PDB file of N, CA and C in Angstrom:
ATOM      1  N   MET A   1      -0.806  -8.616  -9.944  1.00  0.00           N
ATOM      2  CA  MET A   1      -2.248  -7.876  -9.977  1.00  0.00           C
ATOM      3  C   MET A   1      -2.248  -7.884  -9.086  1.00  0.00           C
ATOM      4  N   ILE A   2      -2.511  -6.731  -7.605  1.00  0.00           N
ATOM      5  CA  ILE A   2      -3.037  -6.266  -6.351  1.00  0.00           C
ATOM      6  C   ILE A   2      -3.966  -5.801  -6.824  1.00  0.00           C
ATOM      7  N   GLU A   3      -5.099  -6.406  -5.140  1.00  0.00           N
ATOM      8  CA  GLU A   3      -6.456  -5.632  -4.762  1.00  0.00           C
ATOM      9  C   GLU A   3      -6.377  -4.974  -3.881  1.00  0.00           C
ATOM     10  N   VAL A   4      -7.606  -4.001  -3.146  1.00  0.00           N
ATOM     11  CA  VAL A   4      -7.337  -3.308  -2.790  1.00  0.00           C
ATOM     12  C   VAL A   4      -8.764  -3.334  -2.318  1.00  0.00           C
ATOM     13  N   THR A   5      -8.922  -3.586  -0.336  1.00  0.00           N
ATOM     14  CA  THR A   5     -10.905  -3.999  -0.517  1.00  0.00           C
ATOM     15  C   THR A   5     -11.521  -2.261  -0.510  1.00  0.00           C
ATOM     16  N   PRO A   6     -13.105  -2.361  -0.418  1.00  0.00           N
ATOM     17  CA  PRO A   6     -13.550  -1.465  -0.731  1.00  0.00           C
ATOM     18  C   PRO A   6     -13.268  -0.751   0.736  1.00  0.00           C
ATOM     19  N   LYS A   7     -12.865  -1.599   1.615  1.00  0.00           N
ATOM     20  CA  LYS A   7     -13.084  -0.298   3.234  1.00  0.00           C
ATOM     21  C   LYS A   7     -11.363   0.029   3.356  1.00  0.00           C
ATOM     22  N   ALA A   8     -10.258  -0.747   2.657  1.00  0.00           N
ATOM     23  CA  ALA A   8      -9.144   0.094   2.024  1.00  0.00           C
ATOM     24  C   ALA A   8      -9.395   1.159   1.584  1.00  0.00           C
ATOM     25  N   VAL A   9     -10.280   1.489  -0.102  1.00  0.00           N
ATOM     26  CA  VAL A   9     -10.463   2.576  -0.612  1.00  0.00           C
ATOM     27  C   VAL A   9     -10.928   3.812   0.325  1.00  0.00           C
ATOM     28  N   ASN A  10     -12.191   2.840   0.939  1.00  0.00           N
ATOM     29  CA  ASN A  10     -12.421   3.833   1.326  1.00  0.00           C
ATOM     30  C   ASN A  10     -11.888   4.900   1.891  1.00  0.00           C
ATOM     31  N   LYS A  11     -11.462   4.539   3.574  1.00  0.00           N
ATOM     32  CA  LYS A  11      -9.616   5.317   3.853  1.00  0.00           C
ATOM     33  C   LYS A  11      -8.947   5.987   3.437  1.00  0.00           C
ATOM     34  N   ILE A  12      -8.269   5.551   1.991  1.00  0.00           N
ATOM     35  CA  ILE A  12      -7.275   6.044   1.431  1.00  0.00           C
ATOM     36  C   ILE A  12      -8.342   7.524   1.029  1.00  0.00           C
ATOM     37  N   ARG A  13      -9.415   7.220   0.019  1.00  0.00           N
ATOM     38  CA  ARG A  13     -10.858   8.624  -0.017  1.00  0.00           C
ATOM     39  C   ARG A  13     -10.977   9.507   1.067  1.00  0.00           C
ATOM     40  N   GLU A  14     -10.884   8.886   1.657  1.00  0.00           N
ATOM     41  CA  GLU A  14     -11.251  10.082   2.800  1.00  0.00           C
ATOM     42  C   GLU A  14     -10.791  10.510   3.645  1.00  0.00           C
ATOM     43  N   ALA A  15      -8.757   9.695   3.484  1.00  0.00           N
ATOM     44  CA  ALA A  15      -7.664  10.824   4.239  1.00  0.00           C
ATOM     45  C   ALA A  15      -7.454  11.444   2.347  1.00  0.00           C
ATOM     46  N   PHE A  16      -7.745  12.365   1.769  1.00  0.00           N
ATOM     47  CA  PHE A  16      -7.143  12.084   0.573  1.00  0.00           C
ATOM     48  C   PHE A  16      -8.265  13.419   0.684  1.00  0.00           C
ATOM     49  N   ALA A  17      -9.235  13.566   1.061  1.00  0.00           N
ATOM     50  CA  ALA A  17     -10.138  14.899   1.177  1.00  0.00           C
ATOM     51  C   ALA A  17      -9.943  15.201   2.410  1.00  0.00           C
ATOM     52  N   LYS A  18      -9.708  14.562   3.422  1.00  0.00           N
ATOM     53  CA  LYS A  18      -9.273  15.207   5.080  1.00  0.00           C
ATOM     54  C   LYS A  18      -7.586  16.101   4.629  1.00  0.00           C
ATOM     55  N   GLU A  19      -6.675  15.528   3.414  1.00  0.00           N
ATOM     56  CA  GLU A  19      -5.582  16.103   3.360  1.00  0.00           C
ATOM     57  C   GLU A  19      -5.528  16.705   2.348  1.00  0.00           C
ATOM     58  N   LYS A  20      -6.743  17.048   1.677  1.00  0.00           N
ATOM     59  CA  LYS A  20      -6.386  18.017  -0.465  1.00  0.00           C
ATOM     60  C   LYS A  20      -5.827  17.549  -0.903  1.00  0.00           C
ATOM     61  N   VAL A  21      -5.730  15.585  -0.854  1.00  0.00           N
ATOM     62  CA  VAL A  21      -5.600  15.659  -2.436  1.00  0.00           C
ATOM     63  C   VAL A  21      -5.633  15.485  -3.214  1.00  0.00           C
ATOM     64  N   THR A  22      -4.479  15.604  -4.456  1.00  0.00           N
ATOM     65  CA  THR A  22      -4.851  15.260  -6.128  1.00  0.00           C
ATOM     66  C   THR A  22      -3.694  14.481  -6.023  1.00  0.00           C
ATOM     67  N   GLY A  23      -4.303  13.468  -7.313  1.00  0.00           N
ATOM     68  CA  GLY A  23      -3.305  12.149  -7.633  1.00  0.00           C
ATOM     69  C   GLY A  23      -3.583  11.449  -6.637  1.00  0.00           C
ATOM     70  N   GLY A  24      -2.540  10.035  -7.018  1.00  0.00           N
ATOM     71  CA  GLY A  24      -2.493   8.354  -6.427  1.00  0.00           C
ATOM     72  C   GLY A  24      -2.513   9.078  -5.366  1.00  0.00           C
ATOM     73  N   LEU A  25      -2.502   7.686  -4.548  1.00  0.00           N
ATOM     74  CA  LEU A  25      -1.217   6.741  -3.267  1.00  0.00           C
ATOM     75  C   LEU A  25      -0.424   6.323  -4.260  1.00  0.00           C
ATOM     76  N   ARG A  26       0.544   6.587  -3.585  1.00  0.00           N
ATOM     77  CA  ARG A  26       2.413   6.230  -4.431  1.00  0.00           C
ATOM     78  C   ARG A  26       2.518   4.435  -2.798  1.00  0.00           C
ATOM     79  N   LEU A  27       2.348   3.899  -3.562  1.00  0.00           N
ATOM     80  CA  LEU A  27       2.128   2.164  -2.759  1.00  0.00           C
ATOM     81  C   LEU A  27       3.835   1.567  -2.614  1.00  0.00           C
ATOM     82  N   GLY A  28       3.981   1.217  -2.859  1.00  0.00           N
ATOM     83  CA  GLY A  28       5.962   0.394  -3.017  1.00  0.00           C
ATOM     84  C   GLY A  28       6.356   0.007  -1.357  1.00  0.00           C
ATOM     85  N   VAL A  29       7.819  -0.377  -2.004  1.00  0.00           N
ATOM     86  CA  VAL A  29       8.510  -0.977  -1.131  1.00  0.00           C
ATOM     87  C   VAL A  29       9.903  -0.634  -0.852  1.00  0.00           C
ATOM     88  N   GLN A  30      10.668  -0.623   0.543  1.00  0.00           N
ATOM     89  CA  GLN A  30      12.159   0.223   0.282  1.00  0.00           C
ATOM     90  C   GLN A  30      12.725  -0.479   1.222  1.00  0.00           C
ATOM     91  N   GLY A  31      14.469   0.014   1.090  1.00  0.00           N
ATOM     92  CA  GLY A  31      14.828  -1.127   2.522  1.00  0.00           C
ATOM     93  C   GLY A  31      15.146  -0.556   2.794  1.00  0.00           C
ATOM     94  N   GLY A  32      14.903  -1.525   4.288  1.00  0.00           N
ATOM     95  CA  GLY A  32      14.529  -1.541   5.713  1.00  0.00           C
ATOM     96  C   GLY A  32      13.850  -1.644   6.532  1.00  0.00           C
ATOM     97  N   GLY A  33      13.360  -1.289   7.697  1.00  0.00           N
ATOM     98  CA  GLY A  33      12.348  -2.153   8.634  1.00  0.00           C
ATOM     99  C   GLY A  33      13.689  -3.278   9.337  1.00  0.00           C
ATOM    100  N   CYS A  34      12.610  -4.145  10.092  1.00  0.00           N
ATOM    101  CA  CYS A  34      13.407  -4.350  11.597  1.00  0.00           C
ATOM    102  C   CYS A  34      13.503  -5.943  10.457  1.00  0.00           C
ATOM    103  N   SER A  35      12.477  -6.721   9.633  1.00  0.00           N
ATOM    104  CA  SER A  35      12.607  -7.356   9.289  1.00  0.00           C
ATOM    105  C   SER A  35      14.060  -7.353   7.127  1.00  0.00           C
ATOM    106  N   GLY A  36      13.655  -6.149   7.023  1.00  0.00           N
ATOM    107  CA  GLY A  36      15.229  -5.522   6.029  1.00  0.00           C
ATOM    108  C   GLY A  36      14.425  -5.090   4.414  1.00  0.00           C
ATOM    109  N   LEU A  37      12.403  -5.819   4.744  1.00  0.00           N
ATOM    110  CA  LEU A  37      11.719  -4.378   3.704  1.00  0.00           C
ATOM    111  C   LEU A  37      10.951  -3.454   4.403  1.00  0.00           C
ATOM    112  N   SER A  38      10.519  -2.467   4.135  1.00  0.00           N
ATOM    113  CA  SER A  38       9.317  -2.368   5.091  1.00  0.00           C
ATOM    114  C   SER A  38       8.337  -1.134   3.963  1.00  0.00           C
ATOM    115  N   TYR A  39       7.390  -1.211   3.893  1.00  0.00           N
ATOM    116  CA  TYR A  39       6.010  -0.774   2.480  1.00  0.00           C
ATOM    117  C   TYR A  39       5.874   1.030   2.859  1.00  0.00           C
ATOM    118  N   LEU A  40       6.181   1.196   1.721  1.00  0.00           N
ATOM    119  CA  LEU A  40       6.257   2.496   1.352  1.00  0.00           C
ATOM    120  C   LEU A  40       4.991   2.829   0.923  1.00  0.00           C
ATOM    121  N   PHE A  41       4.365   4.207   1.903  1.00  0.00           N
ATOM    122  CA  PHE A  41       3.060   4.344   1.915  1.00  0.00           C
ATOM    123  C   PHE A  41       2.760   5.806   1.728  1.00  0.00           C
ATOM    124  N   ARG A  42       2.698   6.208   0.682  1.00  0.00           N
ATOM    125  CA  ARG A  42       2.973   7.797   0.273  1.00  0.00           C
ATOM    126  C   ARG A  42       1.364   9.098  -0.519  1.00  0.00           C
ATOM    127  N   PHE A  43       1.240   9.880  -0.687  1.00  0.00           N
ATOM    128  CA  PHE A  43      -0.374  10.805  -1.412  1.00  0.00           C
ATOM    129  C   PHE A  43       1.183  10.846  -2.252  1.00  0.00           C
ATOM    130  N   ASP A  44       0.866  10.704  -3.684  1.00  0.00           N
ATOM    131  CA  ASP A  44       1.573  11.942  -4.768  1.00  0.00           C
ATOM    132  C   ASP A  44       0.835  12.347  -5.884  1.00  0.00           C
ATOM    133  N   PRO A  45       0.939  13.366  -6.354  1.00  0.00           N
ATOM    134  CA  PRO A  45       0.296  14.175  -7.281  1.00  0.00           C
ATOM    135  C   PRO A  45      -0.280  13.595  -8.658  1.00  0.00           C
ATOM    136  N   LYS A  46       0.521  12.837  -9.139  1.00  0.00           N
ATOM    137  CA  LYS A  46       1.086  12.230  -9.794  1.00  0.00           C
ATOM    138  C   LYS A  46       2.116  11.381 -10.507  1.00  0.00           C
ATOM    139  N   PRO A  47       1.312   9.548 -11.404  1.00  0.00           N
ATOM    140  CA  PRO A  47       2.117   8.754 -11.631  1.00  0.00           C
ATOM    141  C   PRO A  47       3.295   8.905 -12.589  1.00  0.00           C
ATOM    142  N   ARG A  48       4.732   8.168 -12.264  1.00  0.00           N
ATOM    143  CA  ARG A  48       5.797   8.176 -12.890  1.00  0.00           C
ATOM    144  C   ARG A  48       5.841   8.418 -14.301  1.00  0.00           C
ATOM    145  N   ALA A  49       6.464   7.918 -15.184  1.00  0.00           N
ATOM    146  CA  ALA A  49       5.920   7.328 -16.473  1.00  0.00           C
ATOM    147  C   ALA A  49       6.548   6.110 -17.056  1.00  0.00           C
ATOM    148  N   THR A  50       7.115   5.029 -15.683  1.00  0.00           N
ATOM    149  CA  THR A  50       7.310   3.734 -15.943  1.00  0.00           C
ATOM    150  C   THR A  50       5.943   3.233 -14.783  1.00  0.00           C
ATOM    151  N   ASP A  51       5.325   3.906 -14.103  1.00  0.00           N
ATOM    152  CA  ASP A  51       4.696   2.765 -12.498  1.00  0.00           C
ATOM    153  C   ASP A  51       3.176   2.427 -13.806  1.00  0.00           C
ATOM    154  N   LYS A  52       2.575   1.072 -12.930  1.00  0.00           N
ATOM    155  CA  LYS A  52       1.439   0.674 -12.856  1.00  0.00           C
ATOM    156  C   LYS A  52       0.779   1.549 -12.246  1.00  0.00           C
ATOM    157  N   VAL A  53      -0.915   1.679 -13.038  1.00  0.00           N
ATOM    158  CA  VAL A  53      -1.654   2.961 -12.514  1.00  0.00           C
ATOM    159  C   VAL A  53      -2.719   2.388 -11.938  1.00  0.00           C
ATOM    160  N   LEU A  54      -2.938   1.346 -10.793  1.00  0.00           N
ATOM    161  CA  LEU A  54      -3.867   1.000 -11.217  1.00  0.00           C
ATOM    162  C   LEU A  54      -5.358   1.785 -10.171  1.00  0.00           C
ATOM    163  N   GLU A  55      -6.695   1.306 -10.577  1.00  0.00           N
ATOM    164  CA  GLU A  55      -7.817   2.156 -10.410  1.00  0.00           C
ATOM    165  C   GLU A  55      -8.921   1.927  -9.305  1.00  0.00           C
ATOM    166  N   PHE A  56      -9.688   1.980  -8.723  1.00  0.00           N
ATOM    167  CA  PHE A  56     -10.418   1.448  -6.837  1.00  0.00           C
ATOM    168  C   PHE A  56     -11.482   2.259  -7.061  1.00  0.00           C
ATOM    169  N   ASP A  57     -12.578   2.239  -8.021  1.00  0.00           N
ATOM    170  CA  ASP A  57     -13.304   3.203  -8.073  1.00  0.00           C
ATOM    171  C   ASP A  57     -12.510   4.980  -8.797  1.00  0.00           C
ATOM    172  N   ASP A  58     -12.701   5.841  -7.504  1.00  0.00           N
ATOM    173  CA  ASP A  58     -11.650   7.466  -8.189  1.00  0.00           C
ATOM    174  C   ASP A  58     -10.559   7.065  -6.887  1.00  0.00           C
ATOM    175  N   VAL A  59     -10.118   6.170  -6.458  1.00  0.00           N
ATOM    176  CA  VAL A  59      -9.258   6.450  -5.662  1.00  0.00           C
ATOM    177  C   VAL A  59      -7.742   5.017  -7.351  1.00  0.00           C
ATOM    178  N   ARG A  60      -6.826   6.024  -7.188  1.00  0.00           N
ATOM    179  CA  ARG A  60      -5.890   5.525  -7.909  1.00  0.00           C
ATOM    180  C   ARG A  60      -4.391   5.168  -6.547  1.00  0.00           C
ATOM    181  N   ILE A  61      -4.067   4.468  -7.963  1.00  0.00           N
ATOM    182  CA  ILE A  61      -2.108   3.757  -6.698  1.00  0.00           C
ATOM    183  C   ILE A  61      -1.372   3.397  -7.425  1.00  0.00           C
ATOM    184  N   PHE A  62      -0.387   4.623  -7.281  1.00  0.00           N
ATOM    185  CA  PHE A  62       1.060   3.920  -8.108  1.00  0.00           C
ATOM    186  C   PHE A  62       2.113   2.887  -7.722  1.00  0.00           C
ATOM    187  N   ILE A  63       2.298   2.346  -8.499  1.00  0.00           N
ATOM    188  CA  ILE A  63       3.323   1.281  -8.515  1.00  0.00           C
ATOM    189  C   ILE A  63       4.284   1.578  -9.714  1.00  0.00           C
ATOM    190  N   ASP A  64       5.485   1.101  -8.457  1.00  0.00           N
ATOM    191  CA  ASP A  64       6.482   1.889  -8.786  1.00  0.00           C
ATOM    192  C   ASP A  64       7.485   0.441  -9.758  1.00  0.00           C
ATOM    193  N   PRO A  65       8.456  -0.396 -10.788  1.00  0.00           N
ATOM    194  CA  PRO A  65       8.485  -1.855 -10.836  1.00  0.00           C
ATOM    195  C   PRO A  65       8.858  -2.620 -10.751  1.00  0.00           C
ATOM    196  N   LYS A  66       9.522  -2.053  -9.508  1.00  0.00           N
ATOM    197  CA  LYS A  66      10.677  -2.850  -9.172  1.00  0.00           C
ATOM    198  C   LYS A  66      10.080  -3.320  -7.711  1.00  0.00           C
ATOM    199  N   SER A  67       9.360  -2.091  -7.047  1.00  0.00           N
ATOM    200  CA  SER A  67       8.414  -2.706  -5.963  1.00  0.00           C
ATOM    201  C   SER A  67       6.946  -3.510  -6.407  1.00  0.00           C
ATOM    202  N   LEU A  68       6.706  -3.563  -7.547  1.00  0.00           N
ATOM    203  CA  LEU A  68       6.019  -4.611  -8.286  1.00  0.00           C
ATOM    204  C   LEU A  68       5.427  -5.889  -8.140  1.00  0.00           C
ATOM    205  N   VAL A  69       7.661  -5.880  -8.078  1.00  0.00           N
ATOM    206  CA  VAL A  69       8.683  -7.035  -7.901  1.00  0.00           C
ATOM    207  C   VAL A  69       7.745  -7.818  -7.015  1.00  0.00           C
ATOM    208  N   TYR A  70       7.805  -7.022  -5.590  1.00  0.00           N
ATOM    209  CA  TYR A  70       7.625  -7.737  -3.716  1.00  0.00           C
ATOM    210  C   TYR A  70       6.135  -7.752  -3.522  1.00  0.00           C
ATOM    211  N   LEU A  71       5.473  -6.332  -4.021  1.00  0.00           N
ATOM    212  CA  LEU A  71       3.955  -7.160  -4.135  1.00  0.00           C
ATOM    213  C   LEU A  71       3.309  -7.577  -5.020  1.00  0.00           C
ATOM    214  N   ASP A  72       3.312  -8.238  -6.112  1.00  0.00           N
ATOM    215  CA  ASP A  72       2.275  -8.861  -6.236  1.00  0.00           C
ATOM    216  C   ASP A  72       1.586  -9.577  -6.050  1.00  0.00           C
ATOM    217  N   GLY A  73       0.285  -9.640  -6.193  1.00  0.00           N
ATOM    218  CA  GLY A  73      -0.453 -10.409  -5.496  1.00  0.00           C
ATOM    219  C   GLY A  73      -1.049  -9.744  -4.728  1.00  0.00           C
ATOM    220  N   MET A  74      -0.494  -9.109  -3.538  1.00  0.00           N
ATOM    221  CA  MET A  74      -0.769  -8.572  -2.275  1.00  0.00           C
ATOM    222  C   MET A  74      -2.026  -8.154  -2.100  1.00  0.00           C
ATOM    223  N   THR A  75      -3.197  -7.912  -1.128  1.00  0.00           N
ATOM    224  CA  THR A  75      -4.406  -7.355  -0.302  1.00  0.00           C
ATOM    225  C   THR A  75      -3.789  -6.815   0.286  1.00  0.00           C
ATOM    226  N   LEU A  76      -4.301  -5.438   0.609  1.00  0.00           N
ATOM    227  CA  LEU A  76      -4.995  -4.193   0.954  1.00  0.00           C
ATOM    228  C   LEU A  76      -5.417  -3.881   1.869  1.00  0.00           C
ATOM    229  N   ASP A  77      -5.771  -4.189   3.460  1.00  0.00           N
ATOM    230  CA  ASP A  77      -6.973  -4.057   3.881  1.00  0.00           C
ATOM    231  C   ASP A  77      -7.133  -3.534   5.290  1.00  0.00           C
ATOM    232  N   TRP A  78      -8.437  -2.717   5.379  1.00  0.00           N
ATOM    233  CA  TRP A  78      -7.781  -2.019   6.247  1.00  0.00           C
ATOM    234  C   TRP A  78      -8.677  -2.697   7.219  1.00  0.00           C
ATOM    235  N   LYS A  79      -8.233  -2.696   8.470  1.00  0.00           N
ATOM    236  CA  LYS A  79      -8.620  -3.572   9.592  1.00  0.00           C
ATOM    237  C   LYS A  79      -9.023  -2.218  11.248  1.00  0.00           C
ATOM    238  N   ASP A  80      -9.974  -2.172  12.007  1.00  0.00           N
ATOM    239  CA  ASP A  80     -10.002  -1.418  13.063  1.00  0.00           C
ATOM    240  C   ASP A  80     -11.045  -2.291  13.624  1.00  0.00           C
ATOM    241  N   SER A  81     -10.006  -2.717  15.048  1.00  0.00           N
ATOM    242  CA  SER A  81     -10.562  -3.581  15.911  1.00  0.00           C
ATOM    243  C   SER A  81     -10.644  -2.746  17.474  1.00  0.00           C
ATOM    244  N   LEU A  82     -10.583  -3.258  18.407  1.00  0.00           N
ATOM    245  CA  LEU A  82     -10.236  -2.358  19.622  1.00  0.00           C
ATOM    246  C   LEU A  82      -9.177  -2.965  19.695  1.00  0.00           C
ATOM    247  N   MET A  83      -7.941  -3.539  19.140  1.00  0.00           N
ATOM    248  CA  MET A  83      -6.050  -3.615  19.821  1.00  0.00           C
ATOM    249  C   MET A  83      -5.525  -3.125  18.698  1.00  0.00           C
ATOM    250  N   TYR A  84      -7.048  -2.145  17.184  1.00  0.00           N
ATOM    251  CA  TYR A  84      -5.527  -2.392  15.947  1.00  0.00           C
ATOM    252  C   TYR A  84      -6.476  -1.282  14.810  1.00  0.00           C
ATOM    253  N   SER A  85      -6.338  -1.066  14.802  1.00  0.00           N
ATOM    254  CA  SER A  85      -7.046   0.238  13.170  1.00  0.00           C
ATOM    255  C   SER A  85      -6.183   0.892  12.561  1.00  0.00           C
ATOM    256  N   GLY A  86      -6.007   0.266  11.292  1.00  0.00           N
ATOM    257  CA  GLY A  86      -4.941   0.467  10.874  1.00  0.00           C
ATOM    258  C   GLY A  86      -5.249  -0.903   8.975  1.00  0.00           C
ATOM    259  N   PHE A  87      -4.133  -0.220   7.878  1.00  0.00           N
ATOM    260  CA  PHE A  87      -4.147  -0.530   6.902  1.00  0.00           C
ATOM    261  C   PHE A  87      -3.500  -1.699   6.802  1.00  0.00           C
ATOM    262  N   GLU A  88      -3.408  -3.270   6.573  1.00  0.00           N
ATOM    263  CA  GLU A  88      -3.404  -4.736   6.668  1.00  0.00           C
ATOM    264  C   GLU A  88      -2.843  -5.043   5.430  1.00  0.00           C
ATOM    265  N   PHE A  89      -1.540  -5.728   5.237  1.00  0.00           N
ATOM    266  CA  PHE A  89      -0.678  -5.673   4.743  1.00  0.00           C
ATOM    267  C   PHE A  89      -0.920  -7.769   3.821  1.00  0.00           C
ATOM    268  N   GLN A  90      -1.788  -7.969   3.157  1.00  0.00           N
ATOM    269  CA  GLN A  90      -1.566  -9.274   3.471  1.00  0.00           C
ATOM    270  C   GLN A  90      -0.644  -9.979   2.276  1.00  0.00           C
ATOM    271  N   ASN A  91       0.851 -10.330   1.992  1.00  0.00           N
ATOM    272  CA  ASN A  91       1.537  -9.798   1.105  1.00  0.00           C
ATOM    273  C   ASN A  91       1.781 -11.519   0.494  1.00  0.00           C
ATOM    274  N   PRO A  92       1.394 -12.611   0.115  1.00  0.00           N
ATOM    275  CA  PRO A  92       2.248 -13.740  -0.408  1.00  0.00           C
ATOM    276  C   PRO A  92       3.572 -14.223  -0.315  1.00  0.00           C
ATOM    277  N   ASN A  93       4.173 -12.699  -0.913  1.00  0.00           N
ATOM    278  CA  ASN A  93       5.910 -12.884  -1.418  1.00  0.00           C
ATOM    279  C   ASN A  93       6.220 -12.676   0.625  1.00  0.00           C
ATOM    280  N   ALA A  94       6.089 -12.033   1.101  1.00  0.00           N
ATOM    281  CA  ALA A  94       6.648 -11.980   2.211  1.00  0.00           C
ATOM    282  C   ALA A  94       6.947 -13.780   3.135  1.00  0.00           C
ATOM    283  N   LYS A  95       8.020 -13.773   3.180  1.00  0.00           N
ATOM    284  CA  LYS A  95       8.661 -15.342   4.146  1.00  0.00           C
ATOM    285  C   LYS A  95       8.362 -14.995   5.384  1.00  0.00           C
ATOM    286  N   LYS A  96       8.954 -13.482   5.925  1.00  0.00           N
ATOM    287  CA  LYS A  96       8.553 -13.327   7.374  1.00  0.00           C
ATOM    288  C   LYS A  96       8.634 -11.865   7.076  1.00  0.00           C
ATOM    289  N   SER A  97       7.560 -11.275   8.659  1.00  0.00           N
ATOM    290  CA  SER A  97       6.936 -10.422   8.640  1.00  0.00           C
ATOM    291  C   SER A  97       7.120  -9.356   9.925  1.00  0.00           C
ATOM    292  N   CYS A  98       7.174  -8.304  10.942  1.00  0.00           N
ATOM    293  CA  CYS A  98       7.770  -7.827  11.903  1.00  0.00           C
ATOM    294  C   CYS A  98       6.485  -7.720  12.478  1.00  0.00           C
ATOM    295  N   GLY A  99       6.528  -8.089  13.723  1.00  0.00           N
ATOM    296  CA  GLY A  99       5.091  -8.544  14.686  1.00  0.00           C
ATOM    297  C   GLY A  99       4.292  -7.156  13.770  1.00  0.00           C
ATOM    298  N   CYS A 100       4.880  -5.725  14.176  1.00  0.00           N
ATOM    299  CA  CYS A 100       4.022  -4.592  13.658  1.00  0.00           C
ATOM    300  C   CYS A 100       3.549  -5.002  11.806  1.00  0.00           C
ATOM    301  N   GLY A 101       3.910  -5.180  10.672  1.00  0.00           N
ATOM    302  CA  GLY A 101       3.201  -5.873   9.693  1.00  0.00           C
ATOM    303  C   GLY A 101       3.740  -4.053   8.935  1.00  0.00           C
ATOM    304  N   THR A 102       4.226  -3.797   9.357  1.00  0.00           N
ATOM    305  CA  THR A 102       5.011  -3.324   8.086  1.00  0.00           C
ATOM    306  C   THR A 102       5.829  -3.186   7.176  1.00  0.00           C
ATOM    307  N   SER A 103       7.240  -4.270   7.966  1.00  0.00           N
ATOM    308  CA  SER A 103       8.095  -4.761   7.094  1.00  0.00           C
ATOM    309  C   SER A 103       8.445  -6.226   6.877  1.00  0.00           C
ATOM    310  N   PHE A 104       8.818  -6.437   5.996  1.00  0.00           N
ATOM    311  CA  PHE A 104       8.951  -8.050   5.924  1.00  0.00           C
ATOM    312  C   PHE A 104      10.952  -8.049   4.744  1.00  0.00           C
ATOM    313  N   SER A 105      10.752  -9.670   5.060  1.00  0.00           N
ATOM    314  CA  SER A 105      11.404  -9.847   3.919  1.00  0.00           C
ATOM    315  C   SER A 105      11.161 -11.356   2.898  1.00  0.00           C
ATOM    316  N   ALA A 106      11.433 -11.051   1.847  1.00  0.00           N
ATOM    317  CA  ALA A 106      11.066 -11.587   0.774  1.00  0.00           C
ATOM    318  C   ALA A 106      11.740 -13.426   0.295  1.00  0.00           C
TER     319      ALA A 106
END
């Protein structure tokens, strides 16, 4: 399963409100990035028939079955510091990740 921290849920909710999004957040994995795989992170109006739908309060997250293999056990968090503000992927399936944290190899 995937965990989304309360800080991350609040940031997703804020982004939905700012962009006037209905639906959910599509979280996935696609080929590319400097380490081989990169995280997919976008708004989606509705889940696909085969998606796993996770709900955290009023925030829905859609994950396709192929991505779930790479994301199972991951925690999505929000970090806010002087050096970095943004989502952080804590993925136990990542054997190696790039410096920016948005791509990895499994």
